[in-house]
């Protein structure tokens, strides 16, 4: 882990998480893709119940509820670049 010692409130950076592309300090890209699809189909609570029944992963309803917000922030931060790629 790496941290800027000059910034007391700074976050630690994990090279492994950066390499894997961890989303929202919790999700691998594939898990985020699956979870986001499920959350678009049902509530975070029902999504958590579904994942528990299926047994593939066990995210909490609050983690499932935060995921769309995290991705929306990423989208807005880079919206113009993303839209430019879509239109190209």
Foldseek 3Di string as FASTA:
>chain_A
DDFDPVDPPTDGDDPVCVVQVAFPVHHRPVRLVVLQVLCVVDQLCVSQVVCVVVVPDHDHSVVSVCSVVRVVVVCVVCVVVVVVVVVD
